[in-house]
C-alpha cells in the first residue's frame, strides 16, 4: 500500500492511463494544433515526439478528471498519483493544465510522473511543472529519457545530460541515444545510481557529460 492508503498497482495503472490520455489528446484534438506546431517549430519530427509518448494536458480543468473518473479512478487515487491536488475546501483539481506533457519513466518503462511545459504562460505560471513527490515520482531520483537511453548508457558507459526534455528529444532524433535530463537543481547520487544501473562496474565506471552550469 502507498502511504496514502492507495494500492501501488492502482497508482501505476492511473499514471499509465493518464499518459495515454495526454498522448491521444495531443494528436486527436483539433485545439492541440498550436501545440503540435510549436513542437514542430523546435525542429522535432512526429516520429520522435510519438516515440517518447509526448502528450498534452487540456486547458480546461475537467477533461482529465472526467476521463479518469470514467475509468473508475477515485479522487483519492488521482491525488495519490500526483495527477491532482486538493483545494482548501477539499475539492480535487487537475494539477497539469495547458501543458505539453512528457512522461517520466523508470528504466523498465513504468510511468513515474510527468514534466509539463507551459504553453499559456502568465505571471504565476512557471515554464516547467513536474509531478509532486507523491506516488512513484521523486524529483531527486527521476531521470527523463532513462527508459530510452538505458541500453546505450550501459553499452557506452557514458550518460549525456541536457537542460530539458525538448533538448533530449532533439538529441535522440539526431542519433544520440544516451541522452537524458533531470528536473532537480543538480544530478543527485540517486539519479547517478539509476544511470549506472546497467553499466559494467557500476557508478565508478560511469562517465557523465553535463551541460554548462549543471553539477553532479
N, C-alpha and C. Protein backbone atom coordinates (compact mmCIF):
# COMPACT_ATOMS: atom_id res chain seq x y z
N UNK A 1 0.84 -1.20 0.00
CA UNK A 1 0.00 0.00 0.00
C UNK A 1 0.87 1.25 0.00
N UNK A 2 0.41 2.26 -0.70
CA UNK A 2 1.07 3.56 -0.69
C UNK A 2 0.76 4.27 0.61
N UNK A 3 1.57 5.26 0.98
CA UNK A 3 1.36 5.98 2.23
C UNK A 3 0.00 6.61 2.35
N UNK A 4 -0.64 6.89 1.23
CA UNK A 4 -1.96 7.50 1.23
C UNK A 4 -3.06 6.47 1.50
N UNK A 5 -2.70 5.19 1.49
CA UNK A 5 -3.70 4.14 1.61
C UNK A 5 -4.14 3.60 0.26
N UNK A 6 -3.65 4.20 -0.82
CA UNK A 6 -3.98 3.73 -2.18
C UNK A 6 -2.98 2.67 -2.58
N UNK A 7 -3.48 1.56 -3.13
CA UNK A 7 -2.61 0.46 -3.54
C UNK A 7 -1.67 0.90 -4.66
N UNK A 8 -0.43 0.42 -4.62
CA UNK A 8 0.56 0.83 -5.60
C UNK A 8 0.17 0.44 -7.02
N UNK A 9 -0.50 -0.70 -7.18
CA UNK A 9 -0.87 -1.09 -8.53
C UNK A 9 -1.90 -0.14 -9.13
N UNK A 10 -2.73 0.48 -8.28
CA UNK A 10 -3.69 1.47 -8.77
C UNK A 10 -2.97 2.75 -9.20
N UNK A 11 -1.94 3.14 -8.48
CA UNK A 11 -1.16 4.31 -8.87
C UNK A 11 -0.48 4.06 -10.21
N UNK A 12 0.10 2.89 -10.35
CA UNK A 12 0.77 2.54 -11.62
C UNK A 12 -0.23 2.57 -12.78
N UNK A 13 -1.42 2.03 -12.55
CA UNK A 13 -2.43 1.97 -13.60
C UNK A 13 -2.94 3.36 -13.99
N UNK A 14 -3.20 4.21 -13.01
CA UNK A 14 -3.76 5.52 -13.33
C UNK A 14 -2.71 6.39 -14.02
N UNK A 15 -1.45 6.26 -13.65
CA UNK A 15 -0.40 7.02 -14.34
C UNK A 15 -0.28 6.58 -15.80
N UNK A 16 -0.36 5.29 -16.05
CA UNK A 16 -0.31 4.79 -17.42
C UNK A 16 -1.52 5.27 -18.22
N UNK A 17 -2.70 5.26 -17.61
CA UNK A 17 -3.90 5.72 -18.30
C UNK A 17 -3.85 7.23 -18.55
N UNK A 18 -3.29 7.98 -17.62
CA UNK A 18 -3.15 9.42 -17.82
C UNK A 18 -2.20 9.71 -18.98
N UNK A 19 -1.10 8.95 -19.06
CA UNK A 19 -0.15 9.13 -20.17
C UNK A 19 -0.83 8.87 -21.50
N UNK A 20 -1.66 7.84 -21.57
CA UNK A 20 -2.39 7.54 -22.80
C UNK A 20 -3.38 8.65 -23.14
N UNK A 21 -4.04 9.19 -22.12
CA UNK A 21 -4.98 10.30 -22.36
C UNK A 21 -4.26 11.51 -22.92
N UNK A 22 -3.15 11.91 -22.29
CA UNK A 22 -2.41 13.08 -22.75
C UNK A 22 -1.93 12.89 -24.19
N UNK A 23 -1.41 11.69 -24.49
CA UNK A 23 -0.90 11.43 -25.84
C UNK A 23 -2.02 11.51 -26.87
N UNK A 24 -3.14 10.88 -26.58
CA UNK A 24 -4.27 10.91 -27.52
C UNK A 24 -4.78 12.34 -27.69
N UNK A 25 -4.78 13.10 -26.60
CA UNK A 25 -5.29 14.48 -26.67
C UNK A 25 -4.43 15.33 -27.60
N UNK A 26 -3.11 15.13 -27.54
CA UNK A 26 -2.21 15.91 -28.40
C UNK A 26 -2.47 15.65 -29.87
N UNK A 27 -2.67 14.38 -30.24
CA UNK A 27 -2.73 14.01 -31.65
C UNK A 27 -4.15 14.01 -32.21
N UNK A 28 -5.14 13.89 -31.37
CA UNK A 28 -6.50 13.71 -31.86
C UNK A 28 -7.42 14.91 -31.63
N UNK A 29 -6.94 15.94 -30.96
CA UNK A 29 -7.77 17.09 -30.63
C UNK A 29 -7.39 18.28 -31.50
N UNK A 30 -8.38 18.86 -32.14
CA UNK A 30 -8.13 19.98 -33.05
C UNK A 30 -7.50 21.16 -32.34
N UNK A 31 -7.88 21.38 -31.07
CA UNK A 31 -7.36 22.52 -30.33
C UNK A 31 -5.86 22.41 -30.04
N UNK A 32 -5.28 21.20 -30.23
CA UNK A 32 -3.86 21.00 -29.99
C UNK A 32 -3.00 21.28 -31.22
N UNK A 33 -3.60 21.80 -32.27
CA UNK A 33 -2.84 22.10 -33.48
C UNK A 33 -1.70 23.07 -33.18
N UNK A 34 -1.95 24.04 -32.31
CA UNK A 34 -0.91 25.02 -31.96
C UNK A 34 0.23 24.33 -31.22
N UNK A 35 -0.11 23.41 -30.30
CA UNK A 35 0.93 22.69 -29.56
C UNK A 35 1.75 21.82 -30.50
N UNK A 36 1.09 21.15 -31.43
CA UNK A 36 1.82 20.32 -32.39
C UNK A 36 2.74 21.18 -33.25
N UNK A 37 2.25 22.35 -33.65
CA UNK A 37 3.06 23.26 -34.46
C UNK A 37 4.25 23.77 -33.67
N UNK A 38 4.04 24.04 -32.38
CA UNK A 38 5.13 24.54 -31.54
C UNK A 38 6.23 23.49 -31.41
N UNK A 39 5.86 22.23 -31.30
CA UNK A 39 6.87 21.16 -31.24
C UNK A 39 7.60 21.04 -32.57
N UNK A 40 6.86 21.17 -33.66
CA UNK A 40 7.49 21.12 -34.98
C UNK A 40 8.46 22.28 -35.17
N UNK A 41 8.11 23.45 -34.63
CA UNK A 41 8.99 24.62 -34.75
C UNK A 41 10.29 24.43 -33.97
N UNK A 42 10.28 23.52 -33.01
CA UNK A 42 11.51 23.20 -32.28
C UNK A 42 12.41 22.28 -33.10
N UNK A 43 11.94 21.89 -34.28
CA UNK A 43 12.71 21.01 -35.14
C UNK A 43 12.49 19.54 -34.85
N UNK A 44 11.42 19.22 -34.12
CA UNK A 44 11.15 17.84 -33.74
C UNK A 44 10.24 17.17 -34.76
N UNK A 45 10.62 15.97 -35.18
CA UNK A 45 9.79 15.18 -36.09
C UNK A 45 8.69 14.47 -35.30
N UNK A 46 7.60 14.19 -36.00
CA UNK A 46 6.49 13.48 -35.35
C UNK A 46 6.96 12.14 -34.79
N UNK A 47 7.85 11.47 -35.48
CA UNK A 47 8.30 10.15 -35.04
C UNK A 47 8.91 10.19 -33.65
N UNK A 48 9.80 11.15 -33.38
CA UNK A 48 10.45 11.20 -32.08
C UNK A 48 9.47 11.68 -31.01
N UNK A 49 8.56 12.57 -31.37
CA UNK A 49 7.55 13.02 -30.40
C UNK A 49 6.69 11.84 -29.96
N UNK A 50 6.27 11.03 -30.91
CA UNK A 50 5.44 9.86 -30.59
C UNK A 50 6.24 8.81 -29.84
N UNK A 51 7.51 8.65 -30.18
CA UNK A 51 8.30 7.60 -29.54
C UNK A 51 8.50 7.86 -28.05
N UNK A 52 8.48 9.13 -27.66
CA UNK A 52 8.59 9.48 -26.24
C UNK A 52 7.21 9.64 -25.58
N UNK A 53 6.14 9.33 -26.32
CA UNK A 53 4.77 9.41 -25.79
C UNK A 53 4.42 10.80 -25.27
N UNK A 54 4.93 11.82 -25.95
CA UNK A 54 4.60 13.19 -25.56
C UNK A 54 3.11 13.43 -25.74
N UNK A 55 2.52 14.17 -24.83
CA UNK A 55 1.08 14.45 -24.88
C UNK A 55 0.77 15.88 -24.55
N UNK A 56 -0.49 16.13 -24.22
CA UNK A 56 -0.91 17.50 -23.89
C UNK A 56 -2.00 17.44 -22.82
N UNK A 57 -1.85 18.29 -21.81
CA UNK A 57 -2.86 18.43 -20.76
C UNK A 57 -3.79 19.57 -21.14
N UNK A 58 -5.09 19.31 -21.24
CA UNK A 58 -6.03 20.34 -21.70
C UNK A 58 -6.03 21.59 -20.84
N UNK A 59 -6.46 22.69 -21.46
CA UNK A 59 -6.59 23.96 -20.73
C UNK A 59 -7.65 23.84 -19.66
N UNK A 60 -8.78 23.25 -19.99
CA UNK A 60 -9.88 23.13 -19.05
C UNK A 60 -9.56 22.21 -17.89
N UNK A 61 -10.16 22.44 -16.73
CA UNK A 61 -9.82 21.68 -15.53
C UNK A 61 -10.49 20.31 -15.42
N UNK A 62 -11.46 20.02 -16.27
CA UNK A 62 -12.29 18.84 -16.04
C UNK A 62 -12.03 17.67 -16.97
N UNK A 63 -11.36 17.90 -18.11
CA UNK A 63 -11.26 16.85 -19.12
C UNK A 63 -10.52 15.61 -18.59
N UNK A 64 -9.35 15.81 -18.00
CA UNK A 64 -8.60 14.67 -17.47
C UNK A 64 -9.35 14.01 -16.33
N UNK A 65 -9.85 14.83 -15.41
CA UNK A 65 -10.55 14.28 -14.24
C UNK A 65 -11.75 13.45 -14.68
N UNK A 66 -12.53 13.97 -15.61
CA UNK A 66 -13.72 13.26 -16.07
C UNK A 66 -13.33 11.95 -16.75
N UNK A 67 -12.27 12.00 -17.57
CA UNK A 67 -11.83 10.80 -18.26
C UNK A 67 -11.42 9.71 -17.27
N UNK A 68 -10.60 10.09 -16.29
CA UNK A 68 -10.12 9.09 -15.34
C UNK A 68 -11.21 8.63 -14.39
N UNK A 69 -12.12 9.52 -14.02
CA UNK A 69 -13.28 9.09 -13.24
C UNK A 69 -14.09 8.06 -14.02
N UNK A 70 -14.20 8.29 -15.32
CA UNK A 70 -14.94 7.36 -16.17
C UNK A 70 -14.30 5.99 -16.26
N UNK A 71 -12.99 5.92 -16.02
CA UNK A 71 -12.30 4.64 -16.00
C UNK A 71 -12.35 3.98 -14.62
N UNK A 72 -13.00 4.66 -13.67
CA UNK A 72 -13.20 4.07 -12.35
C UNK A 72 -12.24 4.52 -11.28
N UNK A 73 -11.43 5.53 -11.56
CA UNK A 73 -10.49 6.03 -10.54
C UNK A 73 -11.16 7.06 -9.64
N UNK A 74 -10.79 7.04 -8.38
CA UNK A 74 -11.33 7.98 -7.41
C UNK A 74 -10.45 9.21 -7.29
N UNK A 75 -10.97 10.26 -6.68
CA UNK A 75 -10.16 11.45 -6.42
C UNK A 75 -8.95 11.10 -5.57
N UNK A 76 -9.13 10.22 -4.61
CA UNK A 76 -8.02 9.83 -3.73
C UNK A 76 -6.89 9.21 -4.54
N UNK A 77 -7.24 8.39 -5.52
CA UNK A 77 -6.22 7.76 -6.36
C UNK A 77 -5.51 8.78 -7.24
N UNK A 78 -6.25 9.77 -7.76
CA UNK A 78 -5.63 10.79 -8.61
C UNK A 78 -4.69 11.67 -7.80
N UNK A 79 -5.07 11.99 -6.57
CA UNK A 79 -4.19 12.79 -5.71
C UNK A 79 -2.96 11.98 -5.32
N UNK A 80 -3.15 10.71 -4.97
CA UNK A 80 -2.02 9.86 -4.57
C UNK A 80 -1.02 9.68 -5.70
N UNK A 81 -1.51 9.70 -6.94
CA UNK A 81 -0.62 9.55 -8.11
C UNK A 81 0.04 10.86 -8.53
N UNK A 82 -0.32 11.96 -7.87
CA UNK A 82 0.27 13.24 -8.24
C UNK A 82 -0.36 13.89 -9.44
N UNK A 83 -1.53 13.42 -9.85
CA UNK A 83 -2.23 13.99 -11.00
C UNK A 83 -3.19 15.09 -10.61
N UNK A 84 -3.53 15.17 -9.33
CA UNK A 84 -4.48 16.16 -8.85
C UNK A 84 -4.04 16.65 -7.49
N UNK A 85 -4.48 17.85 -7.16
CA UNK A 85 -4.25 18.41 -5.83
C UNK A 85 -5.60 18.77 -5.22
N UNK A 86 -5.63 18.94 -3.93
CA UNK A 86 -6.88 19.32 -3.27
C UNK A 86 -6.84 20.79 -2.88
N UNK A 87 -7.96 21.47 -3.09
CA UNK A 87 -8.10 22.86 -2.68
C UNK A 87 -8.31 22.93 -1.17
N UNK A 88 -8.31 24.14 -0.63
CA UNK A 88 -8.53 24.31 0.80
C UNK A 88 -9.90 23.79 1.21
N UNK A 89 -10.83 23.70 0.26
CA UNK A 89 -12.15 23.17 0.54
C UNK A 89 -12.23 21.67 0.32
N UNK A 90 -11.11 21.07 -0.08
CA UNK A 90 -11.07 19.63 -0.22
C UNK A 90 -11.42 19.10 -1.59
N UNK A 91 -11.68 19.98 -2.56
CA UNK A 91 -12.03 19.53 -3.91
C UNK A 91 -10.76 19.20 -4.68
N UNK A 92 -10.81 18.10 -5.44
CA UNK A 92 -9.66 17.68 -6.24
C UNK A 92 -9.65 18.41 -7.58
N UNK A 93 -8.48 18.94 -7.95
CA UNK A 93 -8.31 19.65 -9.22
C UNK A 93 -7.12 19.07 -9.97
N UNK A 94 -7.21 18.99 -11.29
CA UNK A 94 -6.10 18.50 -12.10
C UNK A 94 -4.87 19.40 -11.90
N UNK A 95 -3.73 18.78 -11.68
CA UNK A 95 -2.50 19.54 -11.45
C UNK A 95 -1.99 20.16 -12.74
N UNK A 96 -2.02 19.41 -13.83
CA UNK A 96 -1.44 19.87 -15.09
C UNK A 96 -2.54 20.42 -15.99
N UNK A 97 -2.36 21.65 -16.46
CA UNK A 97 -3.30 22.27 -17.38
C UNK A 97 -2.52 23.09 -18.40
N UNK A 98 -2.94 23.00 -19.66
CA UNK A 98 -2.35 23.77 -20.74
C UNK A 98 -0.83 23.56 -20.82
N UNK A 99 -0.44 22.28 -20.85
CA UNK A 99 0.99 21.97 -20.88
C UNK A 99 1.27 20.79 -21.81
N UNK A 100 2.40 20.90 -22.53
CA UNK A 100 2.91 19.74 -23.25
C UNK A 100 3.48 18.78 -22.21
N UNK A 101 3.05 17.52 -22.28
CA UNK A 101 3.34 16.58 -21.21
C UNK A 101 4.38 15.54 -21.65
N UNK A 102 5.40 15.38 -20.82
CA UNK A 102 6.47 14.42 -21.07
C UNK A 102 6.45 13.37 -19.96
N UNK A 103 6.05 12.13 -20.27
CA UNK A 103 6.05 11.10 -19.23
C UNK A 103 7.48 10.80 -18.75
N UNK A 104 7.65 10.78 -17.45
CA UNK A 104 8.94 10.42 -16.85
C UNK A 104 8.83 8.96 -16.41
N UNK A 105 9.69 8.10 -16.97
CA UNK A 105 9.60 6.66 -16.71
C UNK A 105 10.87 6.17 -16.02
N UNK A 106 10.75 5.00 -15.41
CA UNK A 106 11.96 4.36 -14.89
C UNK A 106 12.61 3.55 -16.00
N UNK A 107 13.69 2.85 -15.68
CA UNK A 107 14.44 2.14 -16.70
C UNK A 107 13.67 1.02 -17.36
N UNK A 108 12.62 0.54 -16.69
CA UNK A 108 11.78 -0.53 -17.25
C UNK A 108 10.58 0.01 -18.02
N UNK A 109 10.43 1.33 -18.06
CA UNK A 109 9.34 1.92 -18.82
C UNK A 109 8.10 2.26 -18.04
N UNK A 110 8.09 2.02 -16.74
CA UNK A 110 6.93 2.35 -15.92
C UNK A 110 6.83 3.86 -15.71
N UNK A 111 5.64 4.43 -15.90
CA UNK A 111 5.45 5.86 -15.72
C UNK A 111 5.54 6.20 -14.23
N UNK A 112 6.44 7.11 -13.89
CA UNK A 112 6.60 7.59 -12.52
C UNK A 112 5.85 8.89 -12.28
N UNK A 113 5.78 9.71 -13.31
CA UNK A 113 5.15 11.02 -13.21
C UNK A 113 5.32 11.76 -14.52
N UNK A 114 5.23 13.09 -14.46
CA UNK A 114 5.26 13.88 -15.69
C UNK A 114 6.03 15.18 -15.49
N UNK A 115 6.58 15.67 -16.59
CA UNK A 115 7.09 17.04 -16.67
C UNK A 115 6.24 17.76 -17.70
N UNK A 116 5.69 18.92 -17.31
CA UNK A 116 4.79 19.65 -18.18
C UNK A 116 5.37 21.00 -18.58
N UNK A 117 5.44 21.26 -19.88
CA UNK A 117 5.95 22.52 -20.43
C UNK A 117 4.77 23.43 -20.74
N UNK A 118 4.72 24.60 -20.12
CA UNK A 118 3.60 25.50 -20.28
C UNK A 118 3.49 26.09 -21.67
N UNK A 119 2.26 26.22 -22.16
CA UNK A 119 2.02 26.82 -23.47
C UNK A 119 1.26 28.14 -23.38
N UNK A 120 0.70 28.44 -22.21
CA UNK A 120 -0.01 29.71 -21.99
C UNK A 120 0.52 30.31 -20.70
N UNK A 121 1.76 30.79 -20.76
CA UNK A 121 2.42 31.25 -19.55
C UNK A 121 1.89 32.61 -19.10
N UNK A 122 1.76 32.75 -17.80
CA UNK A 122 1.37 34.01 -17.18
C UNK A 122 2.32 34.32 -16.04
N UNK A 123 2.08 35.42 -15.31
CA UNK A 123 2.99 35.82 -14.23
C UNK A 123 3.20 34.75 -13.17
N UNK A 124 2.18 33.94 -12.89
CA UNK A 124 2.28 32.93 -11.84
C UNK A 124 2.43 31.52 -12.40
N UNK A 125 2.65 31.40 -13.72
CA UNK A 125 2.76 30.08 -14.35
C UNK A 125 4.22 29.81 -14.69
N UNK A 126 4.88 28.90 -13.99
CA UNK A 126 6.26 28.56 -14.36
C UNK A 126 6.30 27.84 -15.70
N UNK A 127 7.44 27.93 -16.36
CA UNK A 127 7.57 27.28 -17.67
C UNK A 127 7.42 25.77 -17.55
N UNK A 128 8.06 25.20 -16.53
CA UNK A 128 8.00 23.75 -16.31
C UNK A 128 7.36 23.44 -14.97
N UNK A 129 6.52 22.42 -14.96
CA UNK A 129 5.95 21.89 -13.72
C UNK A 129 6.14 20.38 -13.75
N UNK A 130 6.59 19.81 -12.65
CA UNK A 130 6.73 18.36 -12.56
C UNK A 130 5.74 17.80 -11.55
N UNK A 131 5.55 16.51 -11.62
CA UNK A 131 4.73 15.84 -10.62
C UNK A 131 5.29 16.12 -9.23
N UNK A 132 4.42 16.18 -8.23
CA UNK A 132 4.91 16.32 -6.85
C UNK A 132 5.54 15.02 -6.39
N UNK A 133 6.22 15.06 -5.27
CA UNK A 133 6.85 13.86 -4.73
C UNK A 133 5.80 12.97 -4.07
N UNK A 134 4.87 12.50 -4.88
CA UNK A 134 3.82 11.60 -4.45
C UNK A 134 3.83 10.39 -5.38
N UNK A 135 3.06 9.39 -5.06
CA UNK A 135 3.00 8.23 -5.93
C UNK A 135 4.38 7.63 -6.11
N UNK A 136 4.79 7.42 -7.35
CA UNK A 136 6.10 6.86 -7.66
C UNK A 136 7.16 7.93 -7.90
N UNK A 137 6.75 9.16 -8.13
CA UNK A 137 7.68 10.19 -8.58
C UNK A 137 8.46 10.79 -7.41
N UNK A 138 9.77 10.91 -7.58
CA UNK A 138 10.63 11.66 -6.68
C UNK A 138 11.57 12.49 -7.55
N UNK A 139 11.48 13.78 -7.42
CA UNK A 139 12.30 14.63 -8.29
C UNK A 139 13.78 14.33 -8.14
N UNK A 140 14.20 13.99 -6.91
CA UNK A 140 15.63 13.74 -6.67
C UNK A 140 16.11 12.42 -7.26
N UNK A 141 15.17 11.57 -7.70
CA UNK A 141 15.57 10.29 -8.26
C UNK A 141 15.18 10.09 -9.71
N UNK A 142 14.24 10.89 -10.21
CA UNK A 142 13.69 10.69 -11.55
C UNK A 142 14.66 11.17 -12.62
N UNK A 143 14.70 10.44 -13.73
CA UNK A 143 15.55 10.78 -14.89
C UNK A 143 14.68 10.67 -16.13
N UNK A 144 14.42 11.79 -16.81
CA UNK A 144 13.63 11.73 -18.03
C UNK A 144 14.46 11.16 -19.17
N UNK A 145 13.86 10.20 -19.88
CA UNK A 145 14.53 9.57 -21.01
C UNK A 145 15.29 8.32 -20.65
N UNK A 146 15.29 7.94 -19.36
CA UNK A 146 16.08 6.79 -18.93
C UNK A 146 15.64 5.50 -19.62
N UNK A 147 14.33 5.34 -19.80
CA UNK A 147 13.84 4.11 -20.44
C UNK A 147 14.34 3.99 -21.87
N UNK A 148 14.53 5.12 -22.54
CA UNK A 148 15.01 5.12 -23.92
C UNK A 148 16.54 5.04 -24.00
N UNK A 149 17.21 5.58 -22.97
CA UNK A 149 18.67 5.72 -23.04
C UNK A 149 19.43 4.64 -22.29
N UNK A 150 18.75 3.85 -21.47
CA UNK A 150 19.44 2.92 -20.57
C UNK A 150 20.34 1.95 -21.34
N UNK A 151 19.86 1.43 -22.46
CA UNK A 151 20.66 0.47 -23.21
C UNK A 151 21.95 1.05 -23.73
N UNK A 152 21.88 2.26 -24.30
CA UNK A 152 23.08 2.90 -24.84
C UNK A 152 24.02 3.35 -23.73
N UNK A 153 23.47 3.80 -22.61
CA UNK A 153 24.32 4.17 -21.47
C UNK A 153 25.08 2.95 -20.98
N UNK A 154 24.37 1.82 -20.87
CA UNK A 154 25.03 0.60 -20.41
C UNK A 154 26.12 0.16 -21.39
N UNK A 155 25.84 0.28 -22.69
CA UNK A 155 26.80 -0.17 -23.69
C UNK A 155 28.02 0.74 -23.78
N UNK A 156 27.79 2.04 -23.65
CA UNK A 156 28.89 3.01 -23.84
C UNK A 156 29.57 3.40 -22.53
N UNK A 157 28.85 3.22 -21.41
CA UNK A 157 29.39 3.65 -20.13
C UNK A 157 29.32 5.15 -19.92
N UNK A 158 28.58 5.83 -20.80
CA UNK A 158 28.50 7.30 -20.74
C UNK A 158 27.06 7.75 -20.80
N UNK A 159 26.70 8.65 -19.91
CA UNK A 159 25.39 9.29 -19.93
C UNK A 159 25.59 10.77 -20.23
N UNK A 160 24.82 11.30 -21.16
CA UNK A 160 24.91 12.70 -21.54
C UNK A 160 23.64 13.41 -21.14
N UNK A 161 23.75 14.48 -20.39
CA UNK A 161 22.58 15.20 -19.92
C UNK A 161 22.37 16.49 -20.70
N UNK A 162 21.10 16.84 -20.87
CA UNK A 162 20.71 18.10 -21.48
C UNK A 162 19.86 18.90 -20.49
N UNK A 163 19.54 20.12 -20.87
CA UNK A 163 18.87 21.02 -19.94
C UNK A 163 17.40 20.72 -19.73
N UNK A 164 16.73 20.17 -20.76
CA UNK A 164 15.30 19.92 -20.61
C UNK A 164 14.85 18.82 -21.55
N UNK A 165 13.57 18.48 -21.48
CA UNK A 165 13.02 17.38 -22.26
C UNK A 165 13.10 17.64 -23.76
N UNK A 166 12.87 18.88 -24.18
CA UNK A 166 12.95 19.22 -25.60
C UNK A 166 14.33 18.90 -26.14
N UNK A 167 15.37 19.27 -25.39
CA UNK A 167 16.74 19.01 -25.83
C UNK A 167 17.03 17.51 -25.88
N UNK A 168 16.41 16.74 -24.98
CA UNK A 168 16.60 15.29 -25.02
C UNK A 168 16.02 14.72 -26.31
N UNK A 169 14.81 15.15 -26.66
CA UNK A 169 14.19 14.65 -27.90
C UNK A 169 15.02 15.02 -29.12
N UNK A 170 15.53 16.24 -29.16
CA UNK A 170 16.36 16.67 -30.27
C UNK A 170 17.60 15.78 -30.40
N UNK A 171 18.22 15.49 -29.26
CA UNK A 171 19.44 14.68 -29.28
C UNK A 171 19.15 13.26 -29.78
N UNK A 172 18.07 12.66 -29.30
CA UNK A 172 17.72 11.31 -29.75
C UNK A 172 17.38 11.32 -31.24
N UNK A 173 16.72 12.36 -31.68
CA UNK A 173 16.40 12.48 -33.09
C UNK A 173 17.66 12.53 -33.94
N UNK A 174 18.71 13.11 -33.38
CA UNK A 174 19.99 13.23 -34.09
C UNK A 174 20.87 12.00 -33.89
N UNK A 175 20.35 10.97 -33.22
CA UNK A 175 21.09 9.73 -33.08
C UNK A 175 21.90 9.58 -31.81
N UNK A 176 21.73 10.51 -30.85
CA UNK A 176 22.47 10.42 -29.59
C UNK A 176 21.58 9.73 -28.55
N UNK A 177 21.68 8.42 -28.51
CA UNK A 177 20.71 7.62 -27.76
C UNK A 177 21.01 7.52 -26.27
N UNK A 178 22.08 8.14 -25.79
CA UNK A 178 22.43 8.06 -24.37
C UNK A 178 22.06 9.34 -23.62
N UNK A 179 21.19 10.16 -24.19
CA UNK A 179 20.89 11.49 -23.63
C UNK A 179 19.64 11.45 -22.75
N UNK A 180 19.73 12.11 -21.60
CA UNK A 180 18.63 12.20 -20.63
C UNK A 180 18.63 13.60 -20.03
N UNK A 181 17.66 13.86 -19.15
CA UNK A 181 17.70 15.10 -18.36
C UNK A 181 17.10 14.82 -16.99
N UNK A 182 17.31 15.75 -16.07
CA UNK A 182 16.72 15.69 -14.74
C UNK A 182 16.03 17.01 -14.46
N UNK A 183 15.14 17.01 -13.47
CA UNK A 183 14.43 18.22 -13.11
C UNK A 183 14.76 18.68 -11.69
N UNK A 184 15.92 18.26 -11.22
CA UNK A 184 16.45 18.73 -9.95
C UNK A 184 17.57 19.73 -10.23
N UNK A 185 17.96 20.48 -9.20
CA UNK A 185 18.96 21.53 -9.42
C UNK A 185 20.35 20.95 -9.71
N UNK A 186 20.62 19.76 -9.21
CA UNK A 186 21.86 19.05 -9.50
C UNK A 186 21.51 17.61 -9.83
N UNK A 187 22.46 16.89 -10.40
CA UNK A 187 22.29 15.46 -10.63
C UNK A 187 22.63 14.78 -9.30
N UNK A 188 21.64 14.16 -8.69
CA UNK A 188 21.82 13.59 -7.36
C UNK A 188 22.49 12.21 -7.43
N UNK A 189 22.93 11.73 -6.29
CA UNK A 189 23.52 10.39 -6.24
C UNK A 189 22.49 9.34 -6.64
N UNK A 190 21.24 9.53 -6.24
CA UNK A 190 20.19 8.58 -6.61
C UNK A 190 20.02 8.52 -8.12
N UNK A 191 20.06 9.68 -8.77
CA UNK A 191 19.96 9.72 -10.23
C UNK A 191 21.19 9.10 -10.88
N UNK A 192 22.36 9.34 -10.31
CA UNK A 192 23.58 8.75 -10.85
C UNK A 192 23.52 7.22 -10.76
N UNK A 193 23.00 6.71 -9.65
CA UNK A 193 22.88 5.26 -9.49
C UNK A 193 21.91 4.69 -10.52
N UNK A 194 20.83 5.42 -10.80
CA UNK A 194 19.88 4.97 -11.82
C UNK A 194 20.56 4.93 -13.18
N UNK A 195 21.35 5.94 -13.49
CA UNK A 195 22.06 5.98 -14.77
C UNK A 195 23.07 4.84 -14.89
N UNK A 196 23.66 4.48 -13.77
CA UNK A 196 24.73 3.49 -13.78
C UNK A 196 24.23 2.07 -13.59
N UNK A 197 22.93 1.87 -13.48
CA UNK A 197 22.40 0.57 -13.07
C UNK A 197 22.78 -0.55 -14.04
N UNK A 198 22.95 -0.25 -15.33
CA UNK A 198 23.30 -1.29 -16.29
C UNK A 198 24.74 -1.26 -16.74
N UNK A 199 25.54 -0.37 -16.16
CA UNK A 199 26.93 -0.19 -16.59
C UNK A 199 27.82 -1.21 -15.89
N UNK A 200 28.63 -1.93 -16.64
CA UNK A 200 29.59 -2.85 -16.04
C UNK A 200 30.57 -2.05 -15.17
N UNK A 201 30.65 -2.40 -13.91
CA UNK A 201 31.48 -1.62 -13.00
C UNK A 201 30.71 -0.61 -12.20
N UNK A 202 29.42 -0.43 -12.54
CA UNK A 202 28.55 0.43 -11.75
C UNK A 202 28.92 1.89 -11.80
N UNK A 203 28.63 2.58 -10.71
CA UNK A 203 28.79 4.03 -10.65
C UNK A 203 30.24 4.47 -10.89
N UNK A 204 31.20 3.70 -10.39
CA UNK A 204 32.61 4.08 -10.55
C UNK A 204 33.04 4.08 -12.01
N UNK A 205 32.33 3.30 -12.85
CA UNK A 205 32.71 3.21 -14.26
C UNK A 205 31.90 4.15 -15.15
N UNK A 206 30.91 4.83 -14.58
CA UNK A 206 30.05 5.70 -15.39
C UNK A 206 30.72 7.04 -15.66
N UNK A 207 30.68 7.47 -16.91
CA UNK A 207 31.10 8.82 -17.27
C UNK A 207 29.85 9.65 -17.56
N UNK A 208 29.83 10.87 -17.06
CA UNK A 208 28.67 11.74 -17.20
C UNK A 208 29.08 13.03 -17.89
N UNK A 209 28.39 13.34 -18.97
CA UNK A 209 28.63 14.58 -19.72
C UNK A 209 27.53 15.56 -19.34
N UNK A 210 27.92 16.67 -18.71
CA UNK A 210 26.95 17.64 -18.21
C UNK A 210 27.01 18.94 -19.02
N UNK A 211 25.85 19.60 -19.19
CA UNK A 211 25.86 20.91 -19.85
C UNK A 211 26.44 21.96 -18.91
N UNK A 212 26.89 23.09 -19.44
CA UNK A 212 27.45 24.15 -18.59
C UNK A 212 26.48 24.57 -17.51
N UNK A 213 27.00 24.67 -16.29
CA UNK A 213 26.19 25.13 -15.17
C UNK A 213 25.52 24.02 -14.37
N UNK A 214 25.46 22.82 -14.91
CA UNK A 214 24.84 21.70 -14.18
C UNK A 214 25.92 20.96 -13.42
N UNK A 215 25.60 20.58 -12.17
CA UNK A 215 26.56 19.88 -11.34
C UNK A 215 26.02 18.50 -10.95
N UNK A 216 26.93 17.59 -10.65
CA UNK A 216 26.56 16.26 -10.17
C UNK A 216 27.23 16.04 -8.82
